[in-house]
N, C-alpha and C. Protein backbone atom coordinates (compact mmCIF):
# COMPACT_ATOMS: atom_id res chain seq x y z
N MET A 1 0.78 -1.23 -0.04
CA MET A 1 -0.02 -0.02 0.02
C MET A 1 0.97 1.27 0.07
N PHE A 2 1.52 1.56 1.16
CA PHE A 2 2.41 2.73 1.23
C PHE A 2 3.81 2.23 1.02
N LYS A 3 4.46 2.90 0.15
CA LYS A 3 5.95 2.50 -0.11
C LYS A 3 6.94 3.53 0.41
N ASN A 4 6.41 4.58 1.05
CA ASN A 4 7.23 5.50 1.58
C ASN A 4 7.68 5.18 2.98
N ASN A 5 8.80 4.64 3.20
CA ASN A 5 9.35 4.22 4.49
C ASN A 5 10.15 5.32 5.12
N ARG A 6 10.09 6.42 4.68
CA ARG A 6 10.96 7.59 5.12
C ARG A 6 10.36 8.10 6.51
N GLY A 7 11.22 8.22 7.51
CA GLY A 7 10.85 8.69 8.82
C GLY A 7 11.52 10.06 9.04
N PHE A 8 11.52 10.44 10.32
CA PHE A 8 12.17 11.74 10.69
C PHE A 8 13.74 11.55 10.72
N THR A 9 14.36 12.59 10.17
CA THR A 9 15.84 12.49 10.20
C THR A 9 16.39 12.94 11.52
N LEU A 10 17.56 12.72 11.89
CA LEU A 10 18.13 13.10 13.15
C LEU A 10 18.17 14.58 13.34
N ILE A 11 18.44 15.40 12.26
CA ILE A 11 18.32 16.84 12.33
C ILE A 11 16.98 17.38 12.72
N GLU A 12 15.94 16.82 12.10
CA GLU A 12 14.61 17.17 12.41
C GLU A 12 14.29 16.91 13.79
N MET A 13 14.58 15.77 14.38
CA MET A 13 14.35 15.45 15.72
C MET A 13 15.15 16.41 16.66
N LEU A 14 16.33 16.87 16.41
CA LEU A 14 17.08 17.68 17.24
C LEU A 14 16.44 19.08 17.20
N ILE A 15 15.91 19.47 16.07
CA ILE A 15 15.30 20.83 15.94
C ILE A 15 14.08 20.78 16.79
N VAL A 16 13.24 19.77 16.74
CA VAL A 16 12.02 19.72 17.63
C VAL A 16 12.45 19.71 19.08
N LEU A 17 13.43 18.95 19.51
CA LEU A 17 13.83 18.87 20.92
C LEU A 17 14.46 20.27 21.33
N MET A 18 15.12 20.95 20.39
CA MET A 18 15.60 22.28 20.74
C MET A 18 14.45 23.35 20.95
N VAL A 19 13.47 23.39 20.18
CA VAL A 19 12.34 24.16 20.34
C VAL A 19 11.54 23.82 21.68
N ILE A 20 11.39 22.61 21.99
CA ILE A 20 10.78 22.23 23.19
C ILE A 20 11.57 22.70 24.43
N SER A 21 12.84 22.52 24.30
CA SER A 21 13.81 23.04 25.40
C SER A 21 13.65 24.53 25.56
N VAL A 22 13.67 25.26 24.53
CA VAL A 22 13.56 26.71 24.60
C VAL A 22 12.27 27.06 25.35
N LEU A 23 11.23 26.47 24.94
CA LEU A 23 9.86 26.71 25.52
C LEU A 23 9.90 26.44 27.02
N ILE A 24 10.42 25.32 27.38
CA ILE A 24 10.47 25.02 28.73
C ILE A 24 11.39 25.97 29.57
N ILE A 25 12.55 26.36 28.98
CA ILE A 25 13.38 27.35 29.63
C ILE A 25 12.62 28.71 29.83
N LEU A 26 11.80 29.09 28.99
CA LEU A 26 11.00 30.34 29.01
C LEU A 26 9.90 30.29 30.07
N PHE A 27 9.20 29.11 30.19
CA PHE A 27 7.96 29.10 30.87
C PHE A 27 8.09 28.53 32.35
N VAL A 28 9.11 27.75 32.64
CA VAL A 28 9.14 27.12 33.99
C VAL A 28 9.62 28.27 35.03
N PRO A 29 10.48 29.16 34.74
CA PRO A 29 10.76 30.23 35.82
C PRO A 29 9.50 31.00 36.09
N ASN A 30 8.66 31.35 35.14
CA ASN A 30 7.34 32.03 35.29
C ASN A 30 6.50 31.27 36.13
N LEU A 31 6.43 29.94 35.99
CA LEU A 31 5.50 29.20 36.81
C LEU A 31 5.99 29.10 38.29
N SER A 32 7.14 29.01 38.54
CA SER A 32 7.74 28.96 39.81
C SER A 32 7.56 30.23 40.62
N ASP A 33 7.44 31.40 39.95
CA ASP A 33 7.16 32.65 40.57
C ASP A 33 5.72 32.74 41.12
N ARG A 34 4.92 31.93 40.59
CA ARG A 34 3.45 31.93 40.92
C ARG A 34 3.14 31.05 42.12
N SER A 35 4.09 30.27 42.59
CA SER A 35 3.83 29.39 43.72
C SER A 35 3.37 30.08 44.98
N GLY A 36 3.91 31.24 45.17
CA GLY A 36 3.49 32.15 46.32
C GLY A 36 1.98 32.48 46.27
N ASP A 37 1.58 32.90 44.98
CA ASP A 37 0.14 33.21 44.75
C ASP A 37 -0.69 32.00 45.04
N VAL A 38 -0.31 30.88 44.64
CA VAL A 38 -1.09 29.69 44.68
C VAL A 38 -1.30 29.32 46.20
N HIS A 39 -0.21 29.37 47.00
CA HIS A 39 -0.26 29.12 48.40
C HIS A 39 -1.17 30.05 49.16
N GLY A 40 -1.03 31.28 48.76
CA GLY A 40 -1.85 32.33 49.38
C GLY A 40 -3.36 32.11 49.02
N THR A 41 -3.70 31.86 47.76
CA THR A 41 -5.09 31.59 47.43
C THR A 41 -5.59 30.24 48.12
N GLY A 42 -4.70 29.28 48.17
CA GLY A 42 -5.10 27.99 48.89
C GLY A 42 -5.33 28.23 50.26
N CYS A 43 -4.53 29.08 50.97
CA CYS A 43 -4.78 29.45 52.40
C CYS A 43 -6.07 30.21 52.56
N ASP A 44 -6.42 31.05 51.61
CA ASP A 44 -7.63 31.77 51.79
C ASP A 44 -8.80 30.83 51.69
N ALA A 45 -8.74 29.92 50.75
CA ALA A 45 -9.88 28.96 50.65
C ALA A 45 -9.99 28.06 51.75
N LEU A 46 -8.84 27.66 52.45
CA LEU A 46 -8.94 26.80 53.58
C LEU A 46 -9.57 27.55 54.76
N VAL A 47 -9.22 28.87 54.90
CA VAL A 47 -9.86 29.72 55.95
C VAL A 47 -11.34 29.74 55.74
N SER A 48 -11.72 29.87 54.60
CA SER A 48 -13.19 29.98 54.25
C SER A 48 -13.90 28.72 54.60
N LEU A 49 -13.23 27.52 54.28
CA LEU A 49 -13.82 26.23 54.61
C LEU A 49 -13.95 26.06 56.10
N VAL A 50 -12.87 26.34 56.78
CA VAL A 50 -12.89 26.19 58.23
C VAL A 50 -13.83 27.11 58.87
N GLN A 51 -13.97 28.33 58.38
CA GLN A 51 -15.05 29.34 58.83
C GLN A 51 -16.38 28.83 58.72
N SER A 52 -16.66 28.08 57.57
CA SER A 52 -17.96 27.51 57.37
C SER A 52 -18.23 26.38 58.37
N GLN A 53 -17.22 25.58 58.56
CA GLN A 53 -17.37 24.55 59.58
C GLN A 53 -17.49 25.01 60.99
N ALA A 54 -16.87 26.12 61.35
CA ALA A 54 -17.09 26.73 62.59
C ALA A 54 -18.43 27.36 62.79
N GLU A 55 -19.04 27.81 61.59
CA GLU A 55 -20.50 28.24 61.71
C GLU A 55 -21.39 27.07 61.88
N LEU A 56 -21.08 26.02 61.24
CA LEU A 56 -21.88 24.77 61.43
C LEU A 56 -21.81 24.18 62.80
N TYR A 57 -20.58 24.29 63.42
CA TYR A 57 -20.35 23.83 64.80
C TYR A 57 -21.27 24.68 65.61
N GLU A 58 -21.32 25.97 65.42
CA GLU A 58 -22.16 26.83 66.33
C GLU A 58 -23.56 26.53 66.19
N LEU A 59 -24.02 26.26 64.88
CA LEU A 59 -25.48 25.95 64.66
C LEU A 59 -25.78 24.52 65.40
N GLU A 60 -24.99 23.59 65.33
CA GLU A 60 -25.30 22.35 65.90
C GLU A 60 -24.99 22.20 67.41
N GLU A 61 -24.00 22.85 67.85
CA GLU A 61 -23.67 22.65 69.24
C GLU A 61 -24.26 23.81 70.17
N GLY A 62 -24.66 24.87 69.58
CA GLY A 62 -25.26 25.99 70.29
C GLY A 62 -24.34 26.99 70.93
N SER A 63 -22.90 26.79 70.61
CA SER A 63 -21.91 27.74 71.11
C SER A 63 -20.83 27.75 70.14
N GLN A 64 -20.01 28.83 70.16
CA GLN A 64 -18.88 28.96 69.25
C GLN A 64 -17.78 28.00 69.63
N PRO A 65 -16.98 27.49 68.71
CA PRO A 65 -15.86 26.70 69.11
C PRO A 65 -14.84 27.45 69.78
N GLY A 66 -14.24 26.87 70.82
CA GLY A 66 -13.18 27.61 71.58
C GLY A 66 -11.81 27.63 70.87
N SER A 67 -11.62 26.64 69.99
CA SER A 67 -10.35 26.57 69.38
C SER A 67 -10.52 25.74 68.13
N ILE A 68 -9.42 25.77 67.31
CA ILE A 68 -9.38 24.87 66.09
C ILE A 68 -9.55 23.44 66.56
N GLN A 69 -8.80 23.13 67.54
CA GLN A 69 -8.67 21.74 68.06
C GLN A 69 -10.14 21.14 68.38
N ALA A 70 -11.05 22.01 68.93
CA ALA A 70 -12.40 21.59 69.18
C ALA A 70 -13.10 21.20 67.89
N LEU A 71 -12.84 21.82 66.78
CA LEU A 71 -13.38 21.50 65.47
C LEU A 71 -12.91 20.07 65.08
N VAL A 72 -11.58 19.84 65.31
CA VAL A 72 -10.96 18.58 64.97
C VAL A 72 -11.49 17.53 65.85
N ASP A 73 -11.57 17.74 67.16
CA ASP A 73 -12.05 16.76 68.12
C ASP A 73 -13.53 16.29 67.81
N ASP A 74 -14.28 17.20 67.41
CA ASP A 74 -15.80 16.85 67.10
C ASP A 74 -16.02 16.47 65.62
N GLY A 75 -14.92 16.35 64.86
CA GLY A 75 -15.01 15.80 63.51
C GLY A 75 -15.46 16.81 62.47
N TYR A 76 -15.43 18.05 62.73
CA TYR A 76 -15.85 19.07 61.73
C TYR A 76 -14.65 19.31 60.71
N ILE A 77 -13.50 19.22 61.16
CA ILE A 77 -12.38 19.36 60.23
C ILE A 77 -11.34 18.19 60.51
N THR A 78 -10.37 18.03 59.60
CA THR A 78 -9.46 16.91 59.86
C THR A 78 -8.05 17.59 60.32
N LEU A 79 -7.09 16.81 60.76
CA LEU A 79 -5.82 17.31 61.24
C LEU A 79 -5.07 18.10 60.22
N ASP A 80 -5.19 17.65 58.88
CA ASP A 80 -4.48 18.48 57.81
C ASP A 80 -5.01 19.69 57.54
N GLN A 81 -6.20 20.06 58.14
CA GLN A 81 -6.84 21.31 57.75
C GLN A 81 -6.65 22.36 58.90
N ILE A 82 -5.69 22.16 59.84
CA ILE A 82 -5.56 23.01 60.92
C ILE A 82 -4.32 24.10 60.56
N GLU A 83 -3.75 23.84 59.37
CA GLU A 83 -2.80 24.85 58.89
C GLU A 83 -2.69 24.88 57.45
N CYS A 84 -2.28 26.01 56.90
CA CYS A 84 -2.19 26.08 55.39
C CYS A 84 -1.04 25.32 54.80
N SER A 85 -1.03 25.23 53.53
CA SER A 85 -0.02 24.43 52.91
C SER A 85 1.36 25.03 52.99
N ASN A 86 1.43 26.38 53.31
CA ASN A 86 2.79 26.95 53.65
C ASN A 86 3.15 26.93 54.96
N GLY A 87 2.36 26.25 55.86
CA GLY A 87 2.84 26.05 57.29
C GLY A 87 2.11 27.03 58.25
N THR A 88 1.33 27.96 57.75
CA THR A 88 0.72 28.97 58.63
C THR A 88 -0.44 28.41 59.38
N PRO A 89 -0.38 28.31 60.68
CA PRO A 89 -1.50 27.75 61.53
C PRO A 89 -2.77 28.61 61.48
N LEU A 90 -3.89 27.90 61.54
CA LEU A 90 -5.19 28.60 61.62
C LEU A 90 -5.50 28.84 63.08
N SER A 91 -6.19 29.96 63.43
CA SER A 91 -6.69 30.14 64.77
C SER A 91 -8.08 30.57 64.68
N ILE A 92 -8.81 30.58 65.75
CA ILE A 92 -10.19 31.03 65.78
C ILE A 92 -10.37 31.92 67.06
N SER A 93 -11.05 33.10 66.82
CA SER A 93 -11.22 34.05 67.85
C SER A 93 -12.64 34.63 67.66
N ASN A 94 -13.51 34.54 68.65
CA ASN A 94 -14.88 35.10 68.64
C ASN A 94 -15.59 34.55 67.39
N GLY A 95 -15.31 33.26 67.02
CA GLY A 95 -16.09 32.63 66.03
C GLY A 95 -15.49 33.02 64.55
N THR A 96 -14.44 33.72 64.51
CA THR A 96 -13.76 34.09 63.29
C THR A 96 -12.47 33.32 63.12
N VAL A 97 -12.39 32.63 61.98
CA VAL A 97 -11.11 31.92 61.66
C VAL A 97 -10.18 32.78 60.87
N SER A 98 -8.87 32.77 61.17
CA SER A 98 -7.83 33.47 60.53
C SER A 98 -6.57 32.73 60.40
N ALA A 99 -5.73 33.05 59.44
CA ALA A 99 -4.44 32.42 59.41
C ALA A 99 -3.46 33.42 60.06
N ASP A 100 -2.78 32.90 61.07
CA ASP A 100 -1.89 33.73 61.81
C ASP A 100 -0.66 34.13 61.01
């Protein structure tokens, strides 16, 4: 059927690898600069989640949680939700959750 057995030459493959390498060199440093933004956004999302769980605790238990550990002990959040991914611990004061 097809009689053309010609494939890519070594030069063509090297050119493709060079273009891919240049693109990686240009984009990877820009992506690593954004990691701080990602951690900050993730921390804000975690604070919102724990805040909603603290409000649920107040609705079900009739009082505000005294600490983040009270939310963990009663099963409202897990141990990996007591601090942000960058290591900032969460705290609760007067029913308001914040990242210290």
